Amino acid sequence: MYDFAIVGGGIVGLSTAMALGNRYPDAKILLLEKESQWAHHQTGNNSGVIHSGIYYKPGSFKAKFCHAGSRSMVQFCQEHAIDHDVCGKVIVATEPEELPLLENLYQRGLQNGLKVERITAEQVQEIEPHVRSLAGIRVVSTGIVSYKQVCQKYAELAASQGADLRLNTQVETLVKTSDGYDIATTNGAFNTRFVINCAGLHCDRVAQLTRAKPPAKIVPFRGEYYELTPEKRYLVKHLIYPVPNPNFPFLGVHFTRMIDGTVHAGPNAVLSFKREGYKKTDFNLRDFAEVMTYSGFWKLMAKHADQGIQEMLRSFSKALFVQSLQRLIPEVQAEDLVPTHAGVRAQALMPDGKLVDDFLMVQEGDALHVYNAPSPAATASIEIGQAIAGQVAIVPSSSVSFSA
């Protein structure tokens, strides 16, 4: 009998295993991952940015956890010799109507306790010589790292504490018992007193296995990237972001220097027809049908139809994608870009068409479900894991919601 069974071996699941081992050194901890490696989905396909927390609503869990997480992640990397670089980033306005939004973002950064600096167009060019803008914000605490490398260290530390980590083990059923759950998997049966659902793209389905009723449905959005050719990497020194649309949950196409020296451009954000759909041609009938028959999706589309159409057109037209990038760096040309990997974001969507904006974790009886943990969850993973480890100490027979 395990004390805790974690479903999902992404960065949140692994951090939770590590945090539980620290908090409850005598506990028996099990982590189940259906893939053959850790961090195979959202974590392993993200941009590798250590976010500052400038975008998030003051007082939200995203804001608090990201601000603290950017420090704890850097400290963790320093302690364990993980390659990282606190290189900073610039957020720039390229149109006059973006200037008030840029000022709002600057004020939000101050409210969130960040070191942010207003900079002129000339100062932007001192940092990023090839960027053309009207004004900008410099955020010095933003960094880059390989989150796959971070996850490998999380797994090593959790195992050293005694956690039982199982790859190639997909959960098939979760049956409630008098003292917890019986778990049937593709690689054996287990029983546990408490289940922690960190299944990411499949978290709502795992929750349903426990007879929980998820408050939101996961809708997958694919983020597609291009990569600058090696001879054009000089165009980007650090990280370059546009002013985001405050009514849309994505940050807009931007330039990211990766920890391996490559420079990625993107992503756009398009509906994926498969929860693990990393290619345009990927399709799963069940995944597609669930989205198409979900009223919340159509309510979302009614609000953001224009933005959605633009994202789809950019997905199929490299010329439109390049135009978006040229707003930041006019020198970029189509021949300077080659396609690279895509990622899929597990976005929780409410029945009323509202995107869940904050981290959302709900405890029901002997289970805690992480329903929404997209970016900046990797940055905040140490803080999220510690919060979950503290949360499960609450009397497990009560229902507790952990969201803002």
Protein backbone atom coordinates (compact mmCIF):
# COMPACT_ATOMS: atom_id res chain seq x y z
CA MET A 1 0.00 0.00 0.00
CA TYR A 2 1.41 3.33 -1.08
CA ASP A 3 0.63 6.53 0.80
CA PHE A 4 0.61 8.68 -2.36
CA ALA A 5 0.29 7.73 -6.03
CA ILE A 6 1.01 10.45 -8.58
CA VAL A 7 -0.32 10.07 -12.11
CA GLY A 8 1.84 11.87 -14.66
CA GLY A 9 5.61 12.23 -15.03
CA GLY A 10 5.83 15.79 -16.30
CA ILE A 11 7.51 18.56 -14.36
CA VAL A 12 4.57 19.05 -11.95
CA GLY A 13 4.27 15.33 -11.14
CA LEU A 14 8.01 14.95 -10.62
CA SER A 15 8.22 18.09 -8.49
CA THR A 16 5.31 16.82 -6.40
CA ALA A 17 7.07 13.48 -5.83
CA MET A 18 10.20 15.34 -4.72
CA ALA A 19 8.25 17.68 -2.44
CA LEU A 20 6.30 14.83 -0.84
CA GLY A 21 9.54 12.99 -0.16
CA ASN A 22 10.96 16.07 1.54
CA ARG A 23 7.84 16.74 3.60
CA TYR A 24 6.99 13.13 4.47
CA PRO A 25 10.28 11.18 4.49
CA ASP A 26 8.59 7.99 5.76
CA ALA A 27 5.81 8.00 3.18
CA LYS A 28 5.64 5.42 0.38
CA ILE A 29 5.36 7.37 -2.89
CA LEU A 30 4.53 6.00 -6.33
CA LEU A 31 4.72 7.92 -9.62
CA LEU A 32 3.17 6.47 -12.79
CA GLU A 33 4.06 7.73 -16.29
CA LYS A 34 2.67 6.18 -19.46
CA GLU A 35 5.57 7.23 -21.69
CA SER A 36 9.06 5.74 -21.84
CA GLN A 37 10.70 8.96 -20.64
CA TRP A 38 9.98 11.82 -18.26
CA ALA A 39 8.65 15.19 -19.46
CA HIS A 40 7.56 13.78 -22.82
CA HIS A 41 4.67 16.15 -23.52
CA GLN A 42 4.07 19.74 -22.32
CA THR A 43 7.29 20.01 -20.31
CA GLY A 44 9.56 18.55 -22.94
CA ASN A 45 8.19 20.68 -25.76
CA ASN A 46 8.03 24.12 -24.17
CA SER A 47 10.24 27.13 -24.84
CA GLY A 48 12.53 26.62 -21.85
CA VAL A 49 11.89 30.08 -20.42
CA ILE A 50 12.23 30.84 -16.71
CA HIS A 51 9.37 33.34 -16.56
CA SER A 52 9.38 36.39 -14.31
CA GLY A 53 5.64 36.60 -13.63
CA ILE A 54 5.01 39.99 -15.24
CA TYR A 55 1.89 38.91 -17.15
CA TYR A 56 -0.18 37.46 -14.35
CA LYS A 57 -2.96 39.01 -12.30
CA PRO A 58 -1.57 40.35 -8.99
CA GLY A 59 -2.51 38.05 -6.15
CA SER A 60 -3.16 35.07 -8.42
CA PHE A 61 -1.40 31.77 -7.87
CA LYS A 62 0.33 32.22 -11.23
CA ALA A 63 1.76 35.57 -10.13
CA LYS A 64 2.83 34.41 -6.66
CA PHE A 65 4.17 31.02 -7.67
CA CYS A 66 5.95 32.32 -10.78
CA HIS A 67 7.65 35.15 -8.92
CA ALA A 68 8.86 32.78 -6.22
CA GLY A 69 9.51 30.02 -8.75
CA SER A 70 11.82 32.11 -10.92
CA ARG A 71 14.10 32.45 -7.90
CA SER A 72 13.80 28.86 -6.68
CA MET A 73 14.38 27.50 -10.20
CA VAL A 74 17.58 29.50 -10.62
CA GLN A 75 18.75 28.42 -7.17
CA PHE A 76 17.95 24.77 -8.01
CA CYS A 77 19.93 25.00 -11.25
CA GLN A 78 22.88 26.55 -9.43
CA GLU A 79 22.84 23.85 -6.75
CA HIS A 80 22.72 21.00 -9.25
CA ALA A 81 24.94 22.41 -12.03
CA ILE A 82 22.10 22.60 -14.58
CA ASP A 83 22.81 24.87 -17.54
CA HIS A 84 20.78 28.07 -17.34
CA ASP A 85 21.11 31.76 -18.15
CA VAL A 86 19.29 34.67 -16.52
CA CYS A 87 19.58 36.71 -19.71
CA GLY A 88 16.56 38.99 -19.31
CA LYS A 89 14.03 39.93 -21.96
CA VAL A 90 12.46 42.93 -23.63
CA ILE A 91 8.74 43.41 -24.30
CA VAL A 92 8.20 45.94 -27.04
CA ALA A 93 5.37 48.00 -28.48
CA THR A 94 5.46 48.33 -32.25
CA GLU A 95 2.19 50.24 -32.79
CA PRO A 96 0.92 53.42 -31.07
CA GLU A 97 -2.18 51.64 -29.74
CA GLU A 98 0.08 49.22 -27.87
CA LEU A 99 1.72 51.92 -25.75
CA PRO A 100 -1.07 52.07 -23.11
CA LEU A 101 -1.00 48.25 -22.92
CA LEU A 102 2.76 48.35 -22.44
CA GLU A 103 2.33 50.84 -19.59
CA ASN A 104 -0.32 48.59 -18.00
CA LEU A 105 2.11 45.69 -18.22
CA TYR A 106 4.84 47.79 -16.59
CA GLN A 107 2.51 48.67 -13.70
CA ARG A 108 1.53 45.01 -13.34
CA GLY A 109 5.19 44.08 -13.11
CA LEU A 110 5.65 46.57 -10.28
CA GLN A 111 2.54 45.22 -8.53
CA ASN A 112 4.00 41.73 -8.77
CA GLY A 113 7.22 42.87 -7.11
CA LEU A 114 9.44 42.58 -10.18
CA LYS A 115 12.43 44.61 -11.23
CA VAL A 116 11.14 46.13 -14.47
CA GLU A 117 12.39 49.13 -16.39
CA ARG A 118 10.76 51.37 -18.98
CA ILE A 119 13.08 51.78 -21.94
CA THR A 120 12.98 53.92 -25.06
CA ALA A 121 13.21 52.60 -28.61
CA GLU A 122 16.88 53.58 -28.63
CA GLN A 123 17.51 51.68 -25.39
CA VAL A 124 15.73 48.65 -26.83
CA GLN A 125 18.20 48.72 -29.71
CA GLU A 126 21.13 48.88 -27.32
CA ILE A 127 19.94 45.52 -25.95
CA GLU A 128 18.57 44.06 -29.19
CA PRO A 129 20.12 45.96 -32.12
CA HIS A 130 17.84 44.48 -34.78
CA VAL A 131 14.51 45.21 -33.08
CA ARG A 132 12.39 48.14 -34.25
CA SER A 133 9.89 49.47 -31.71
CA LEU A 134 8.30 52.56 -30.23
CA ALA A 135 9.14 51.72 -26.60
CA GLY A 136 9.76 48.72 -24.39
CA ILE A 137 10.06 47.14 -20.98
CA ARG A 138 13.14 45.34 -19.78
CA VAL A 139 12.61 42.40 -17.40
CA VAL A 140 15.95 41.35 -15.99
CA SER A 141 14.85 38.24 -14.06
CA THR A 142 13.72 36.21 -17.08
CA GLY A 143 15.99 33.29 -17.96
CA ILE A 144 16.35 30.13 -20.03
CA VAL A 145 16.96 26.48 -19.14
CA SER A 146 16.32 22.94 -20.36
CA TYR A 147 13.33 21.72 -18.39
CA LYS A 148 14.01 18.16 -19.51
CA GLN A 149 17.33 18.39 -17.67
CA VAL A 150 15.53 19.84 -14.64
CA CYS A 151 13.07 16.93 -14.72
CA GLN A 152 15.85 14.37 -14.83
CA LYS A 153 17.27 15.86 -11.64
CA TYR A 154 13.81 15.97 -10.01
CA ALA A 155 13.44 12.25 -10.82
CA GLU A 156 16.89 11.45 -9.44
CA LEU A 157 16.17 13.29 -6.19
CA ALA A 158 12.71 11.73 -5.77
CA ALA A 159 14.17 8.25 -6.34
CA SER A 160 16.97 8.92 -3.86
CA GLN A 161 14.29 9.75 -1.27
CA GLY A 162 12.71 6.34 -1.87
CA ALA A 163 9.96 7.15 -4.37
CA ASP A 164 8.96 4.34 -6.73
CA LEU A 165 9.07 5.85 -10.25
CA ARG A 166 7.47 3.80 -13.04
CA LEU A 167 7.77 4.58 -16.74
CA ASN A 168 5.76 2.75 -19.44
CA THR A 169 2.88 2.46 -16.97
CA GLN A 170 -0.46 3.84 -18.12
CA VAL A 171 -3.34 4.08 -15.66
CA GLU A 172 -6.43 2.25 -16.91
CA THR A 173 -8.77 2.27 -13.91
CA LEU A 174 -8.96 3.87 -10.48
CA VAL A 175 -11.37 2.08 -8.14
CA LYS A 176 -12.31 3.65 -4.81
CA THR A 177 -11.82 1.45 -1.77
CA SER A 178 -12.41 1.92 1.93
CA ASP A 179 -8.85 3.15 2.45
CA GLY A 180 -7.92 4.74 -0.88
CA TYR A 181 -7.79 3.49 -4.48
CA ASP A 182 -6.94 0.33 -6.38
CA ILE A 183 -5.05 1.25 -9.54
CA ALA A 184 -4.97 -0.96 -12.62
CA THR A 185 -2.27 -0.11 -15.17
CA THR A 186 -0.70 -1.53 -18.29
CA ASN A 187 2.20 -2.63 -16.11
CA GLY A 188 0.65 -4.11 -12.96
CA ALA A 189 -1.78 -3.24 -10.17
CA PHE A 190 -1.19 -0.96 -7.21
CA ASN A 191 -3.10 0.42 -4.25
CA THR A 192 -2.73 3.76 -2.54
CA ARG A 193 -4.25 5.85 0.18
CA PHE A 194 -4.22 9.04 -1.89
CA VAL A 195 -4.11 9.89 -5.61
CA ILE A 196 -2.54 13.05 -7.03
CA ASN A 197 -3.56 13.63 -10.64
CA CYS A 198 -0.87 15.49 -12.61
CA ALA A 199 -1.81 14.00 -15.97
CA GLY A 200 -1.68 17.26 -17.94
CA LEU A 201 -3.34 16.75 -21.31
CA HIS A 202 -5.41 13.91 -19.85
CA CYS A 203 -6.06 15.26 -16.35
CA ASP A 204 -9.83 15.61 -16.80
CA ARG A 205 -10.09 11.99 -17.99
CA VAL A 206 -8.00 10.70 -15.10
CA ALA A 207 -10.23 12.67 -12.73
CA GLN A 208 -13.28 10.99 -14.22
CA LEU A 209 -11.74 7.59 -13.41
CA THR A 210 -12.05 8.55 -9.74
CA ARG A 211 -15.71 9.55 -10.33
CA ALA A 212 -14.81 13.22 -9.88
CA LYS A 213 -16.60 15.79 -12.02
CA PRO A 214 -14.02 18.11 -13.58
CA PRO A 215 -15.08 21.78 -13.51
CA ALA A 216 -13.47 22.30 -16.92
CA LYS A 217 -12.54 20.33 -20.02
CA ILE A 218 -9.06 20.15 -21.47
CA VAL A 219 -8.89 21.68 -24.95
CA PRO A 220 -5.50 21.17 -26.66
CA PHE A 221 -3.85 24.09 -28.45
CA ARG A 222 -0.81 23.41 -30.61
CA GLY A 223 1.99 25.95 -30.61
CA GLU A 224 4.05 25.82 -33.79
CA TYR A 225 7.60 27.17 -33.99
CA TYR A 226 10.21 28.06 -36.56
CA GLU A 227 13.92 28.19 -35.86
CA LEU A 228 16.38 30.77 -37.15
CA THR A 229 19.06 29.31 -39.40
CA PRO A 230 22.50 29.28 -37.73
CA GLU A 231 23.81 32.17 -39.82
CA LYS A 232 20.88 34.37 -38.69
CA ARG A 233 21.03 33.70 -34.94
CA TYR A 234 22.90 36.97 -34.49
CA LEU A 235 19.59 38.78 -34.96
CA VAL A 236 18.50 37.80 -31.43
CA LYS A 237 20.65 38.37 -28.35
CA HIS A 238 18.21 37.51 -25.57
CA LEU A 239 14.38 37.13 -25.51
CA ILE A 240 12.09 39.42 -27.49
CA TYR A 241 8.32 39.55 -26.90
CA PRO A 242 5.48 41.67 -28.29
CA VAL A 243 2.84 43.32 -26.15
CA PRO A 244 0.28 40.52 -25.67
CA ASN A 245 -3.42 40.78 -26.34
CA PRO A 246 -4.84 41.08 -22.79
CA ASN A 247 -8.01 39.22 -23.82
CA PHE A 248 -6.19 36.19 -25.21
CA PRO A 249 -4.25 33.67 -23.07
CA PHE A 250 -1.26 33.40 -25.42
CA LEU A 251 1.70 35.78 -25.59
CA GLY A 252 1.96 36.19 -29.35
CA VAL A 253 4.82 35.09 -31.58
CA HIS A 254 8.19 36.00 -30.10
CA PHE A 255 11.90 35.18 -30.30
CA THR A 256 13.51 32.92 -27.71
CA ARG A 257 17.19 32.14 -27.47
CA MET A 258 17.35 28.58 -26.18
CA ILE A 259 19.90 27.22 -23.74
CA ASP A 260 21.55 25.21 -26.57
CA GLY A 261 22.17 28.39 -28.57
CA THR A 262 19.39 27.94 -31.10
CA VAL A 263 16.78 30.68 -31.57
CA HIS A 264 13.11 29.76 -31.82
CA ALA A 265 10.41 31.98 -33.29
CA GLY A 266 6.77 31.48 -32.34
CA PRO A 267 4.50 30.03 -31.31
CA ASN A 268 1.17 30.56 -32.93
CA ALA A 269 -1.76 28.91 -31.15
CA VAL A 270 -4.16 26.68 -33.05
CA LEU A 271 -6.68 24.08 -31.99
CA SER A 272 -5.13 20.62 -32.09
CA PHE A 273 -7.33 17.79 -33.36
CA LYS A 274 -5.54 15.40 -31.01
CA ARG A 275 -4.53 15.89 -27.39
CA GLU A 276 -1.02 14.79 -28.25
CA GLY A 277 -1.17 16.27 -31.74
CA TYR A 278 2.23 17.74 -32.53
CA LYS A 279 1.72 17.68 -36.30
CA LYS A 280 -0.92 19.44 -38.39
CA THR A 281 -2.03 16.05 -39.72
CA ASP A 282 -2.49 14.43 -36.29
CA PHE A 283 -6.09 13.48 -35.63
CA ASN A 284 -7.93 11.51 -32.97
CA LEU A 285 -11.67 11.03 -33.36
CA ARG A 286 -12.43 10.94 -29.64
CA ASP A 287 -10.37 14.04 -28.90
CA PHE A 288 -11.85 15.94 -31.85
CA ALA A 289 -15.42 14.94 -31.05
CA GLU A 290 -15.11 15.97 -27.40
CA VAL A 291 -14.07 19.49 -28.40
CA MET A 292 -16.62 19.84 -31.20
CA THR A 293 -19.51 18.78 -28.94
CA TYR A 294 -18.42 20.95 -26.01
CA SER A 295 -20.53 24.08 -25.63
CA GLY A 296 -17.68 25.91 -23.93
CA PHE A 297 -15.54 25.66 -27.07
CA TRP A 298 -18.16 27.28 -29.28
CA LYS A 299 -18.71 30.05 -26.74
CA LEU A 300 -14.96 30.67 -26.76
CA MET A 301 -14.90 30.77 -30.55
CA ALA A 302 -17.75 33.27 -30.61
CA LYS A 303 -15.66 35.63 -28.46
CA HIS A 304 -12.35 35.15 -30.26
CA ALA A 305 -13.27 34.18 -33.82
CA ASP A 306 -11.08 36.84 -35.46
CA GLN A 307 -8.04 35.91 -33.38
CA GLY A 308 -8.63 32.22 -33.99
CA ILE A 309 -8.85 32.70 -37.76
CA GLN A 310 -5.61 34.70 -37.75
CA GLU A 311 -3.85 31.93 -35.85
CA MET A 312 -5.10 29.27 -38.29
CA LEU A 313 -4.05 31.31 -41.32
CA ARG A 314 -0.60 31.83 -39.82
CA SER A 315 -0.35 28.09 -39.22
CA PHE A 316 -0.74 27.34 -42.92
CA SER A 317 1.02 30.40 -44.34
CA LYS A 318 4.71 30.88 -43.65
CA ALA A 319 4.46 34.33 -45.25
CA LEU A 320 1.92 35.46 -42.62
CA PHE A 321 4.03 33.94 -39.86
CA VAL A 322 7.05 35.88 -41.14
CA GLN A 323 5.02 39.08 -41.25
CA SER A 324 4.22 38.68 -37.56
CA LEU A 325 7.91 38.27 -36.77
CA GLN A 326 8.86 41.25 -38.93
CA ARG A 327 6.86 43.49 -36.62
CA LEU A 328 9.66 42.85 -34.13
CA ILE A 329 12.67 42.31 -36.41
CA PRO A 330 12.08 43.67 -39.94
CA GLU A 331 15.23 41.96 -41.27
CA VAL A 332 13.82 38.45 -40.81
CA GLN A 333 12.98 36.77 -44.11
CA ALA A 334 11.25 33.50 -44.93
CA GLU A 335 14.51 31.84 -45.97
CA ASP A 336 15.94 32.59 -42.51
CA LEU A 337 13.44 30.23 -40.85
CA VAL A 338 13.08 26.46 -40.78
CA PRO A 339 10.30 24.51 -39.02
CA THR A 340 11.09 22.99 -35.65
CA HIS A 341 9.17 21.07 -32.98
CA ALA A 342 5.68 22.02 -31.83
CA GLY A 343 4.18 21.86 -28.36
CA VAL A 344 0.63 21.22 -27.19
CA ARG A 345 -0.84 23.23 -24.33
CA ALA A 346 -3.45 21.61 -22.09
CA GLN A 347 -5.86 24.51 -21.64
CA ALA A 348 -8.75 24.09 -19.23
CA LEU A 349 -11.95 25.59 -20.62
CA MET A 350 -15.10 26.23 -18.59
CA PRO A 351 -18.60 25.39 -19.91
CA ASP A 352 -19.35 29.12 -20.21
CA GLY A 353 -16.49 29.56 -22.68
CA LYS A 354 -14.06 31.16 -20.22
CA LEU A 355 -10.48 29.94 -20.25
CA VAL A 356 -9.26 29.01 -16.79
CA ASP A 357 -6.76 31.80 -16.24
CA ASP A 358 -5.03 30.58 -13.07
CA PHE A 359 -3.60 27.32 -11.82
CA LEU A 360 -6.54 25.15 -10.79
CA MET A 361 -6.20 22.28 -8.33
CA VAL A 362 -9.14 20.65 -6.58
CA GLN A 363 -9.08 18.07 -3.80
CA GLU A 364 -12.02 15.69 -3.62
CA GLY A 365 -11.87 13.04 -0.94
CA ASP A 366 -8.76 10.92 -1.31
CA ALA A 367 -7.64 12.57 -4.56
CA LEU A 368 -6.24 15.91 -5.66
CA HIS A 369 -6.60 16.89 -9.31
CA VAL A 370 -4.37 19.42 -11.09
CA TYR A 371 -6.85 20.65 -13.71
CA ASN A 372 -4.93 23.62 -15.09
CA ALA A 373 -1.15 24.05 -14.97
CA PRO A 374 0.06 25.48 -18.29
CA SER A 375 2.86 28.05 -18.54
CA PRO A 376 4.37 29.22 -16.20
CA ALA A 377 4.00 25.86 -14.43
CA ALA A 378 7.54 24.77 -15.36
CA THR A 379 9.01 27.94 -13.85
CA ALA A 380 6.80 27.56 -10.78
CA SER A 381 7.12 23.78 -10.50
CA ILE A 382 9.03 23.74 -7.21
CA GLU A 383 6.45 26.04 -5.63
CA ILE A 384 3.54 24.02 -7.06
CA GLY A 385 4.99 20.75 -5.79
CA GLN A 386 5.49 22.18 -2.32
CA ALA A 387 1.95 23.60 -2.31
CA ILE A 388 0.48 20.24 -3.29
CA ALA A 389 2.53 18.46 -0.63
CA GLY A 390 1.14 20.91 1.93
CA GLN A 391 -2.38 20.70 0.55
CA VAL A 392 -2.72 16.95 0.96
CA ALA A 393 -2.05 17.32 4.67
CA ILE A 394 -5.56 18.87 4.88
CA VAL A 395 -8.15 16.39 6.13
CA PRO A 396 -8.61 14.25 2.99
CA SER A 397 -12.30 13.59 3.56
CA SER A 398 -13.14 17.24 2.75
CA SER A 399 -13.26 18.92 -0.64
CA VAL A 400 -10.76 21.73 -1.04
CA SER A 401 -10.31 23.98 -4.07
CA PHE A 402 -6.88 25.43 -4.74
CA SER A 403 -7.38 28.22 -7.26
CA ALA A 404 -7.70 31.95 -7.45
